Amino acid sequence: MAAQHTSRPTPEQIERLPYRPCVGLMLLNSRGQVFVAQRVDVRGAAWQMPQGGIDEGESPREAAMRELKEEIGTDNAEIVGESEHWHRYDLPAHLIPKVWGGKYRGQSQKWFALRFTGCDAEIDLEAHEQEFQAWCWADVDKLPSMIVPFKRDVYDQVIDEFRTLVDRLRQGGGD
């Protein structure tokens, strides 16, 4: 069995790597709280909103709904917002050889805000290949402190972009 190459790439090697196309999902309940889940494959409290790669031939919207179903076991939600821009983050250099086969330097993400139309009992983290071990509804203002540092800038930008939608749900406006 060949040994996996896990040495840290040089800055020049990282610079040449592309970003992985991905979607991110800010799933909101009727109280304007955000779904976050704790990853199974990371030590410590690594929480995040659902996200995942875009398959070949798939639109970002299609990927968003597929990822939602795969990661939390239900797609009972409606898209209520889409980020104006793609947001990027870089992985720390020591993670690049360990994630996605070392093919990407980070992710370029199209974010969607979704209103959850189901009930909490529908959420099943084991419905597909399990990525999360726990979940909760969190206040949007607490999100950045729950997230790994290398993703915080993107989360801050997404929160700013979807703030009006979150506030509307908090106030009971829904639409």
N, C-alpha and C. Protein backbone atom coordinates (compact mmCIF):
# COMPACT_ATOMS: atom_id res chain seq x y z
N MET A 1 0.85 -1.18 0.00
CA MET A 1 0.00 0.00 0.00
C MET A 1 0.89 1.24 0.00
N ALA A 2 0.65 2.14 -0.90
CA ALA A 2 1.47 3.35 -1.01
C ALA A 2 1.15 4.31 0.13
N ALA A 3 2.17 4.96 0.62
CA ALA A 3 1.97 5.94 1.69
C ALA A 3 1.37 7.21 1.11
N GLN A 4 0.44 7.79 1.85
CA GLN A 4 -0.18 9.04 1.42
C GLN A 4 0.79 10.19 1.66
N HIS A 5 0.94 11.04 0.65
CA HIS A 5 1.82 12.19 0.77
C HIS A 5 1.13 13.24 1.64
N THR A 6 1.73 13.54 2.78
CA THR A 6 1.09 14.48 3.70
C THR A 6 2.01 15.65 4.06
N SER A 7 3.07 15.86 3.29
CA SER A 7 3.93 16.98 3.62
C SER A 7 3.22 18.29 3.28
N ARG A 8 3.58 19.30 4.01
CA ARG A 8 2.97 20.61 3.82
C ARG A 8 3.43 21.20 2.49
N PRO A 9 2.48 21.65 1.66
CA PRO A 9 2.87 22.25 0.38
C PRO A 9 3.54 23.61 0.58
N THR A 10 4.34 23.97 -0.39
CA THR A 10 5.00 25.27 -0.35
C THR A 10 3.98 26.35 -0.75
N PRO A 11 4.24 27.61 -0.40
CA PRO A 11 3.34 28.68 -0.84
C PRO A 11 3.14 28.72 -2.35
N GLU A 12 4.20 28.41 -3.11
CA GLU A 12 4.09 28.40 -4.57
C GLU A 12 3.17 27.28 -5.04
N GLN A 13 3.24 26.11 -4.40
CA GLN A 13 2.36 25.00 -4.76
C GLN A 13 0.91 25.34 -4.42
N ILE A 14 0.70 25.95 -3.28
CA ILE A 14 -0.66 26.33 -2.87
C ILE A 14 -1.25 27.32 -3.86
N GLU A 15 -0.45 28.29 -4.27
CA GLU A 15 -0.90 29.34 -5.19
C GLU A 15 -1.41 28.76 -6.50
N ARG A 16 -0.85 27.63 -6.92
CA ARG A 16 -1.25 27.00 -8.19
C ARG A 16 -2.51 26.15 -8.07
N LEU A 17 -2.92 25.83 -6.87
CA LEU A 17 -4.10 24.98 -6.68
C LEU A 17 -5.38 25.78 -6.89
N PRO A 18 -6.39 25.15 -7.49
CA PRO A 18 -7.68 25.83 -7.67
C PRO A 18 -8.53 25.77 -6.39
N TYR A 19 -9.64 26.50 -6.43
CA TYR A 19 -10.63 26.43 -5.37
C TYR A 19 -11.69 25.41 -5.78
N ARG A 20 -12.20 24.69 -4.81
CA ARG A 20 -13.26 23.71 -5.05
C ARG A 20 -14.60 24.44 -5.12
N PRO A 21 -15.37 24.26 -6.22
CA PRO A 21 -16.69 24.89 -6.29
C PRO A 21 -17.64 24.22 -5.31
N CYS A 22 -18.37 25.03 -4.58
CA CYS A 22 -19.13 24.52 -3.45
C CYS A 22 -20.33 25.42 -3.19
N VAL A 23 -21.32 24.88 -2.48
CA VAL A 23 -22.44 25.68 -1.99
C VAL A 23 -22.41 25.68 -0.47
N GLY A 24 -22.91 26.76 0.11
CA GLY A 24 -23.08 26.86 1.55
C GLY A 24 -24.54 27.18 1.83
N LEU A 25 -25.05 26.66 2.96
CA LEU A 25 -26.47 26.78 3.25
C LEU A 25 -26.71 27.40 4.61
N MET A 26 -27.36 28.56 4.63
CA MET A 26 -27.79 29.15 5.88
C MET A 26 -29.27 28.79 6.02
N LEU A 27 -29.51 27.70 6.75
CA LEU A 27 -30.86 27.21 6.98
C LEU A 27 -31.42 27.91 8.21
N LEU A 28 -32.55 28.59 8.03
CA LEU A 28 -33.14 29.41 9.09
C LEU A 28 -34.48 28.83 9.53
N ASN A 29 -34.69 28.79 10.84
CA ASN A 29 -36.00 28.36 11.34
C ASN A 29 -36.91 29.59 11.44
N SER A 30 -38.13 29.38 11.89
CA SER A 30 -39.12 30.47 11.93
C SER A 30 -38.77 31.56 12.94
N ARG A 31 -37.83 31.28 13.83
CA ARG A 31 -37.38 32.28 14.82
C ARG A 31 -36.12 33.02 14.36
N GLY A 32 -35.68 32.74 13.13
CA GLY A 32 -34.48 33.40 12.62
C GLY A 32 -33.19 32.82 13.16
N GLN A 33 -33.26 31.61 13.73
CA GLN A 33 -32.04 30.93 14.19
C GLN A 33 -31.47 30.11 13.05
N VAL A 34 -30.17 29.86 13.12
CA VAL A 34 -29.45 29.20 12.04
C VAL A 34 -29.07 27.78 12.45
N PHE A 35 -29.26 26.84 11.53
CA PHE A 35 -28.86 25.46 11.75
C PHE A 35 -27.33 25.37 11.67
N VAL A 36 -26.72 24.83 12.70
CA VAL A 36 -25.28 24.53 12.67
C VAL A 36 -25.09 23.12 13.21
N ALA A 37 -24.04 22.48 12.73
CA ALA A 37 -23.78 21.10 13.13
C ALA A 37 -22.30 20.92 13.40
N GLN A 38 -22.01 19.96 14.27
CA GLN A 38 -20.64 19.65 14.68
C GLN A 38 -20.12 18.49 13.83
N ARG A 39 -18.98 18.71 13.19
CA ARG A 39 -18.40 17.71 12.30
C ARG A 39 -17.95 16.46 13.07
N VAL A 40 -18.06 15.31 12.41
CA VAL A 40 -17.61 14.06 13.03
C VAL A 40 -16.12 13.83 12.84
N ASP A 41 -15.54 14.46 11.83
CA ASP A 41 -14.15 14.14 11.46
C ASP A 41 -13.12 15.14 11.97
N VAL A 42 -13.51 15.99 12.89
CA VAL A 42 -12.58 17.00 13.41
C VAL A 42 -12.60 16.95 14.93
N ARG A 43 -11.42 16.97 15.52
CA ARG A 43 -11.35 17.02 16.98
C ARG A 43 -11.76 18.41 17.46
N GLY A 44 -12.37 18.45 18.61
CA GLY A 44 -12.78 19.74 19.16
C GLY A 44 -14.14 20.13 18.63
N ALA A 45 -14.51 21.32 18.93
CA ALA A 45 -15.84 21.83 18.58
C ALA A 45 -15.80 22.52 17.23
N ALA A 46 -15.81 21.74 16.15
CA ALA A 46 -15.81 22.29 14.80
C ALA A 46 -17.24 22.32 14.28
N TRP A 47 -17.89 23.45 14.42
CA TRP A 47 -19.27 23.63 13.97
C TRP A 47 -19.28 24.34 12.64
N GLN A 48 -20.31 24.08 11.84
CA GLN A 48 -20.46 24.78 10.57
C GLN A 48 -21.89 24.67 10.09
N MET A 49 -22.22 25.53 9.15
CA MET A 49 -23.48 25.40 8.43
C MET A 49 -23.25 24.34 7.36
N PRO A 50 -24.31 23.69 6.87
CA PRO A 50 -24.14 22.69 5.82
C PRO A 50 -23.48 23.31 4.59
N GLN A 51 -22.66 22.52 3.93
CA GLN A 51 -22.00 22.94 2.70
C GLN A 51 -21.56 21.70 1.95
N GLY A 52 -21.27 21.85 0.67
CA GLY A 52 -20.79 20.71 -0.08
C GLY A 52 -20.49 21.07 -1.51
N GLY A 53 -19.78 20.18 -2.16
CA GLY A 53 -19.34 20.39 -3.54
C GLY A 53 -20.48 20.36 -4.54
N ILE A 54 -20.24 21.02 -5.65
CA ILE A 54 -21.17 21.04 -6.77
C ILE A 54 -20.73 19.95 -7.74
N ASP A 55 -21.62 19.02 -8.03
CA ASP A 55 -21.31 17.94 -8.96
C ASP A 55 -21.30 18.45 -10.39
N GLU A 56 -20.56 17.75 -11.26
CA GLU A 56 -20.49 18.13 -12.67
C GLU A 56 -21.90 18.14 -13.27
N GLY A 57 -22.22 19.21 -13.99
CA GLY A 57 -23.51 19.34 -14.63
C GLY A 57 -24.64 19.80 -13.72
N GLU A 58 -24.32 20.08 -12.46
CA GLU A 58 -25.32 20.48 -11.47
C GLU A 58 -25.25 21.99 -11.27
N SER A 59 -26.41 22.62 -11.16
CA SER A 59 -26.42 24.05 -10.86
C SER A 59 -26.19 24.24 -9.36
N PRO A 60 -25.74 25.42 -8.95
CA PRO A 60 -25.59 25.67 -7.51
C PRO A 60 -26.89 25.46 -6.73
N ARG A 61 -28.03 25.86 -7.28
CA ARG A 61 -29.32 25.66 -6.60
C ARG A 61 -29.62 24.17 -6.43
N GLU A 62 -29.37 23.39 -7.47
CA GLU A 62 -29.59 21.95 -7.37
C GLU A 62 -28.66 21.34 -6.32
N ALA A 63 -27.41 21.79 -6.32
CA ALA A 63 -26.45 21.29 -5.33
C ALA A 63 -26.88 21.65 -3.91
N ALA A 64 -27.43 22.84 -3.75
CA ALA A 64 -27.86 23.28 -2.42
C ALA A 64 -28.94 22.34 -1.87
N MET A 65 -29.92 22.02 -2.67
CA MET A 65 -31.00 21.16 -2.19
C MET A 65 -30.52 19.72 -1.99
N ARG A 66 -29.64 19.24 -2.86
CA ARG A 66 -29.09 17.89 -2.70
C ARG A 66 -28.27 17.80 -1.43
N GLU A 67 -27.40 18.79 -1.21
CA GLU A 67 -26.55 18.78 -0.01
C GLU A 67 -27.39 18.87 1.26
N LEU A 68 -28.43 19.67 1.24
CA LEU A 68 -29.30 19.77 2.40
C LEU A 68 -29.87 18.40 2.76
N LYS A 69 -30.40 17.70 1.76
CA LYS A 69 -30.99 16.38 1.98
C LYS A 69 -29.93 15.39 2.47
N GLU A 70 -28.75 15.40 1.86
CA GLU A 70 -27.69 14.47 2.26
C GLU A 70 -27.18 14.74 3.66
N GLU A 71 -27.00 15.99 4.00
CA GLU A 71 -26.34 16.32 5.27
C GLU A 71 -27.27 16.33 6.46
N ILE A 72 -28.54 16.70 6.26
CA ILE A 72 -29.42 16.75 7.44
C ILE A 72 -30.65 15.86 7.31
N GLY A 73 -30.77 15.12 6.19
CA GLY A 73 -31.83 14.14 6.08
C GLY A 73 -33.16 14.66 5.60
N THR A 74 -33.27 15.94 5.32
CA THR A 74 -34.52 16.51 4.81
C THR A 74 -34.19 17.69 3.90
N ASP A 75 -35.05 17.88 2.92
CA ASP A 75 -34.92 19.07 2.08
C ASP A 75 -36.20 19.91 2.16
N ASN A 76 -36.88 19.79 3.28
CA ASN A 76 -38.07 20.61 3.51
C ASN A 76 -37.65 22.04 3.84
N ALA A 77 -37.36 22.76 2.80
CA ALA A 77 -36.91 24.14 2.93
C ALA A 77 -37.12 24.82 1.59
N GLU A 78 -37.22 26.13 1.66
CA GLU A 78 -37.31 26.90 0.41
C GLU A 78 -36.19 27.94 0.39
N ILE A 79 -35.62 28.10 -0.78
CA ILE A 79 -34.56 29.09 -0.96
C ILE A 79 -35.19 30.47 -0.92
N VAL A 80 -34.69 31.33 -0.02
CA VAL A 80 -35.22 32.68 0.12
C VAL A 80 -34.17 33.75 -0.18
N GLY A 81 -32.94 33.31 -0.44
CA GLY A 81 -31.89 34.26 -0.76
C GLY A 81 -30.69 33.55 -1.36
N GLU A 82 -29.95 34.27 -2.18
CA GLU A 82 -28.74 33.75 -2.82
C GLU A 82 -27.66 34.82 -2.75
N SER A 83 -26.46 34.42 -2.38
CA SER A 83 -25.39 35.40 -2.27
C SER A 83 -25.11 36.04 -3.63
N GLU A 84 -24.81 37.31 -3.57
CA GLU A 84 -24.52 38.05 -4.81
C GLU A 84 -23.22 37.57 -5.44
N HIS A 85 -22.24 37.23 -4.58
CA HIS A 85 -20.91 36.84 -5.04
C HIS A 85 -20.56 35.45 -4.53
N TRP A 86 -19.54 34.88 -5.13
CA TRP A 86 -18.94 33.65 -4.62
C TRP A 86 -17.96 34.07 -3.52
N HIS A 87 -17.97 33.35 -2.43
CA HIS A 87 -17.08 33.64 -1.30
C HIS A 87 -16.00 32.56 -1.24
N ARG A 88 -14.78 32.97 -0.97
CA ARG A 88 -13.65 32.02 -0.93
C ARG A 88 -13.01 31.97 0.45
N TYR A 89 -12.54 30.78 0.78
CA TYR A 89 -11.66 30.66 1.93
C TYR A 89 -10.54 29.69 1.60
N ASP A 90 -9.39 29.91 2.19
CA ASP A 90 -8.22 29.04 2.03
C ASP A 90 -8.11 28.13 3.24
N LEU A 91 -7.78 26.89 2.97
CA LEU A 91 -7.47 25.96 4.05
C LEU A 91 -6.13 26.31 4.65
N PRO A 92 -5.91 26.05 5.93
CA PRO A 92 -4.56 26.15 6.48
C PRO A 92 -3.64 25.18 5.72
N ALA A 93 -2.40 25.56 5.50
CA ALA A 93 -1.47 24.76 4.69
C ALA A 93 -1.36 23.31 5.17
N HIS A 94 -1.41 23.09 6.48
CA HIS A 94 -1.25 21.72 6.98
C HIS A 94 -2.45 20.82 6.65
N LEU A 95 -3.61 21.42 6.31
CA LEU A 95 -4.79 20.62 5.97
C LEU A 95 -4.89 20.29 4.49
N ILE A 96 -4.22 21.04 3.64
CA ILE A 96 -4.35 20.85 2.20
C ILE A 96 -4.05 19.41 1.77
N PRO A 97 -2.99 18.77 2.25
CA PRO A 97 -2.76 17.39 1.82
C PRO A 97 -3.80 16.39 2.35
N LYS A 98 -4.53 16.77 3.37
CA LYS A 98 -5.47 15.85 4.03
C LYS A 98 -6.90 15.97 3.54
N VAL A 99 -7.22 17.06 2.86
CA VAL A 99 -8.60 17.34 2.46
C VAL A 99 -8.71 17.30 0.94
N TRP A 100 -9.73 16.62 0.43
CA TRP A 100 -10.00 16.55 -1.02
C TRP A 100 -8.79 16.06 -1.81
N GLY A 101 -8.01 15.18 -1.21
CA GLY A 101 -6.87 14.60 -1.91
C GLY A 101 -5.77 15.59 -2.26
N GLY A 102 -5.76 16.73 -1.58
CA GLY A 102 -4.73 17.74 -1.84
C GLY A 102 -4.90 18.48 -3.16
N LYS A 103 -6.07 18.37 -3.79
CA LYS A 103 -6.30 18.98 -5.11
C LYS A 103 -6.72 20.43 -5.06
N TYR A 104 -7.13 20.92 -3.87
CA TYR A 104 -7.67 22.28 -3.78
C TYR A 104 -7.02 23.05 -2.64
N ARG A 105 -6.97 24.35 -2.80
CA ARG A 105 -6.41 25.23 -1.77
C ARG A 105 -7.48 25.69 -0.78
N GLY A 106 -8.72 25.52 -1.15
CA GLY A 106 -9.85 25.95 -0.33
C GLY A 106 -11.11 25.82 -1.16
N GLN A 107 -12.12 26.59 -0.80
CA GLN A 107 -13.39 26.50 -1.51
C GLN A 107 -13.86 27.87 -1.96
N SER A 108 -14.54 27.86 -3.09
CA SER A 108 -15.27 29.01 -3.60
C SER A 108 -16.73 28.65 -3.47
N GLN A 109 -17.47 29.41 -2.66
CA GLN A 109 -18.81 29.02 -2.26
C GLN A 109 -19.88 30.01 -2.71
N LYS A 110 -20.95 29.46 -3.27
CA LYS A 110 -22.17 30.21 -3.54
C LYS A 110 -23.09 29.88 -2.36
N TRP A 111 -23.52 30.90 -1.65
CA TRP A 111 -24.33 30.71 -0.44
C TRP A 111 -25.80 30.94 -0.71
N PHE A 112 -26.62 30.14 -0.04
CA PHE A 112 -28.07 30.25 -0.12
C PHE A 112 -28.65 30.36 1.27
N ALA A 113 -29.62 31.24 1.41
CA ALA A 113 -30.42 31.30 2.64
C ALA A 113 -31.69 30.51 2.36
N LEU A 114 -32.02 29.62 3.29
CA LEU A 114 -33.20 28.78 3.14
C LEU A 114 -34.06 28.88 4.38
N ARG A 115 -35.37 28.91 4.17
CA ARG A 115 -36.30 28.88 5.30
C ARG A 115 -36.73 27.42 5.49
N PHE A 116 -36.51 26.91 6.69
CA PHE A 116 -36.87 25.53 7.01
C PHE A 116 -38.38 25.42 7.14
N THR A 117 -38.98 24.53 6.36
CA THR A 117 -40.43 24.37 6.37
C THR A 117 -40.86 23.06 7.02
N GLY A 118 -39.91 22.29 7.48
CA GLY A 118 -40.22 21.02 8.13
C GLY A 118 -40.28 21.18 9.63
N CYS A 119 -40.16 20.05 10.33
CA CYS A 119 -40.10 20.06 11.79
C CYS A 119 -38.78 19.42 12.23
N ASP A 120 -38.35 19.80 13.42
CA ASP A 120 -37.06 19.34 13.92
C ASP A 120 -36.92 17.82 13.90
N ALA A 121 -38.01 17.09 14.09
CA ALA A 121 -37.97 15.63 14.13
C ALA A 121 -37.53 15.03 12.79
N GLU A 122 -37.66 15.79 11.70
CA GLU A 122 -37.23 15.30 10.38
C GLU A 122 -35.72 15.30 10.22
N ILE A 123 -35.02 16.06 11.02
CA ILE A 123 -33.57 16.18 10.87
C ILE A 123 -32.92 14.88 11.31
N ASP A 124 -32.18 14.28 10.38
CA ASP A 124 -31.54 12.98 10.61
C ASP A 124 -30.12 13.04 10.07
N LEU A 125 -29.17 13.19 10.96
CA LEU A 125 -27.77 13.34 10.56
C LEU A 125 -27.18 12.04 10.01
N GLU A 126 -27.88 10.94 10.17
CA GLU A 126 -27.39 9.64 9.69
C GLU A 126 -28.11 9.18 8.43
N ALA A 127 -28.87 10.04 7.79
CA ALA A 127 -29.65 9.67 6.61
C ALA A 127 -28.77 9.30 5.42
N HIS A 128 -27.62 9.85 5.34
CA HIS A 128 -26.67 9.64 4.24
C HIS A 128 -25.32 9.36 4.89
N GLU A 129 -24.25 9.52 4.18
CA GLU A 129 -22.92 9.38 4.79
C GLU A 129 -22.78 10.46 5.86
N GLN A 130 -22.68 10.05 7.11
CA GLN A 130 -22.75 10.99 8.23
C GLN A 130 -21.54 11.92 8.28
N GLU A 131 -21.81 13.22 8.27
CA GLU A 131 -20.78 14.25 8.37
C GLU A 131 -20.81 14.97 9.70
N PHE A 132 -21.96 14.91 10.38
CA PHE A 132 -22.14 15.65 11.62
C PHE A 132 -22.54 14.71 12.75
N GLN A 133 -22.12 15.06 13.97
CA GLN A 133 -22.47 14.26 15.13
C GLN A 133 -23.51 14.91 16.04
N ALA A 134 -23.69 16.20 15.90
CA ALA A 134 -24.66 16.94 16.72
C ALA A 134 -25.08 18.18 15.94
N TRP A 135 -26.25 18.72 16.32
CA TRP A 135 -26.72 19.94 15.66
C TRP A 135 -27.52 20.77 16.65
N CYS A 136 -27.70 22.04 16.28
CA CYS A 136 -28.54 22.92 17.09
C CYS A 136 -28.96 24.11 16.24
N TRP A 137 -29.94 24.83 16.74
CA TRP A 137 -30.34 26.12 16.17
C TRP A 137 -29.59 27.18 16.98
N ALA A 138 -28.84 28.03 16.30
CA ALA A 138 -28.02 29.02 16.99
C ALA A 138 -28.42 30.43 16.56
N ASP A 139 -28.21 31.36 17.46
CA ASP A 139 -28.41 32.77 17.13
C ASP A 139 -27.34 33.17 16.12
N VAL A 140 -27.75 33.89 15.10
CA VAL A 140 -26.83 34.28 14.02
C VAL A 140 -25.61 35.04 14.55
N ASP A 141 -25.79 35.83 15.61
CA ASP A 141 -24.68 36.62 16.13
C ASP A 141 -23.65 35.76 16.87
N LYS A 142 -24.00 34.54 17.23
CA LYS A 142 -23.06 33.64 17.89
C LYS A 142 -22.30 32.76 16.91
N LEU A 143 -22.73 32.72 15.66
CA LEU A 143 -22.10 31.86 14.67
C LEU A 143 -20.59 32.03 14.54
N PRO A 144 -20.10 33.24 14.33
CA PRO A 144 -18.65 33.37 14.11
C PRO A 144 -17.80 32.76 15.23
N SER A 145 -18.25 32.84 16.46
CA SER A 145 -17.45 32.29 17.56
C SER A 145 -17.50 30.76 17.60
N MET A 146 -18.44 30.15 16.90
CA MET A 146 -18.57 28.69 16.88
C MET A 146 -17.77 28.05 15.75
N ILE A 147 -17.35 28.85 14.79
CA ILE A 147 -16.77 28.36 13.54
C ILE A 147 -15.24 28.35 13.61
N VAL A 148 -14.63 27.39 12.90
CA VAL A 148 -13.17 27.35 12.86
C VAL A 148 -12.64 28.66 12.29
N PRO A 149 -11.52 29.13 12.81
CA PRO A 149 -11.03 30.46 12.42
C PRO A 149 -10.86 30.70 10.92
N PHE A 150 -10.43 29.70 10.16
CA PHE A 150 -10.16 29.96 8.74
C PHE A 150 -11.44 30.17 7.91
N LYS A 151 -12.61 29.90 8.48
CA LYS A 151 -13.87 30.14 7.77
C LYS A 151 -14.61 31.38 8.27
N ARG A 152 -14.13 32.01 9.32
CA ARG A 152 -14.88 33.10 9.96
C ARG A 152 -15.13 34.30 9.05
N ASP A 153 -14.16 34.68 8.24
CA ASP A 153 -14.37 35.83 7.35
C ASP A 153 -15.54 35.59 6.40
N VAL A 154 -15.60 34.38 5.84
CA VAL A 154 -16.71 34.05 4.95
C VAL A 154 -18.03 34.09 5.71
N TYR A 155 -18.05 33.51 6.91
CA TYR A 155 -19.28 33.53 7.70
C TYR A 155 -19.71 34.96 8.02
N ASP A 156 -18.78 35.82 8.36
CA ASP A 156 -19.12 37.22 8.61
C ASP A 156 -19.76 37.87 7.37
N GLN A 157 -19.19 37.59 6.20
CA GLN A 157 -19.72 38.15 4.95
C GLN A 157 -21.12 37.62 4.65
N VAL A 158 -21.31 36.31 4.85
CA VAL A 158 -22.62 35.70 4.58
C VAL A 158 -23.67 36.23 5.55
N ILE A 159 -23.30 36.36 6.82
CA ILE A 159 -24.23 36.91 7.82
C ILE A 159 -24.62 38.33 7.43
N ASP A 160 -23.66 39.14 7.03
CA ASP A 160 -23.96 40.51 6.61
C ASP A 160 -24.92 40.51 5.41
N GLU A 161 -24.64 39.63 4.46
CA GLU A 161 -25.45 39.60 3.24
C GLU A 161 -26.89 39.16 3.50
N PHE A 162 -27.08 38.22 4.43
CA PHE A 162 -28.42 37.68 4.70
C PHE A 162 -29.06 38.28 5.96
N ARG A 163 -28.47 39.29 6.53
CA ARG A 163 -28.96 39.89 7.78
C ARG A 163 -30.43 40.31 7.70
N THR A 164 -30.83 40.93 6.61
CA THR A 164 -32.21 41.39 6.46
C THR A 164 -33.19 40.21 6.52
N LEU A 165 -32.84 39.11 5.87
CA LEU A 165 -33.70 37.91 5.91
C LEU A 165 -33.81 37.36 7.32
N VAL A 166 -32.68 37.30 8.01
CA VAL A 166 -32.66 36.79 9.38
C VAL A 166 -33.53 37.67 10.28
N ASP A 167 -33.35 38.98 10.17
CA ASP A 167 -34.13 39.92 10.99
C ASP A 167 -35.62 39.81 10.71
N ARG A 168 -35.98 39.63 9.45
CA ARG A 168 -37.39 39.50 9.08
C ARG A 168 -37.99 38.25 9.74
N LEU A 169 -37.26 37.14 9.74
CA LEU A 169 -37.75 35.92 10.39
C LEU A 169 -37.84 36.10 11.90
N ARG A 170 -36.85 36.77 12.49
CA ARG A 170 -36.88 37.03 13.94
C ARG A 170 -38.12 37.82 14.33
N GLN A 171 -38.55 38.71 13.45
CA GLN A 171 -39.70 39.56 13.74
C GLN A 171 -41.02 38.90 13.32
N GLY A 172 -40.94 37.65 12.84
CA GLY A 172 -42.14 36.92 12.48
C GLY A 172 -42.66 37.22 11.11
N GLY A 173 -41.84 37.83 10.27
CA GLY A 173 -42.30 38.21 8.94
C GLY A 173 -42.21 37.13 7.89
N GLY A 174 -41.39 36.12 8.09
CA GLY A 174 -41.29 35.01 7.15
C GLY A 174 -40.91 35.38 5.75
N ASP A 175 -41.74 36.12 5.02
CA ASP A 175 -41.45 36.49 3.64
C ASP A 175 -40.86 37.82 3.62
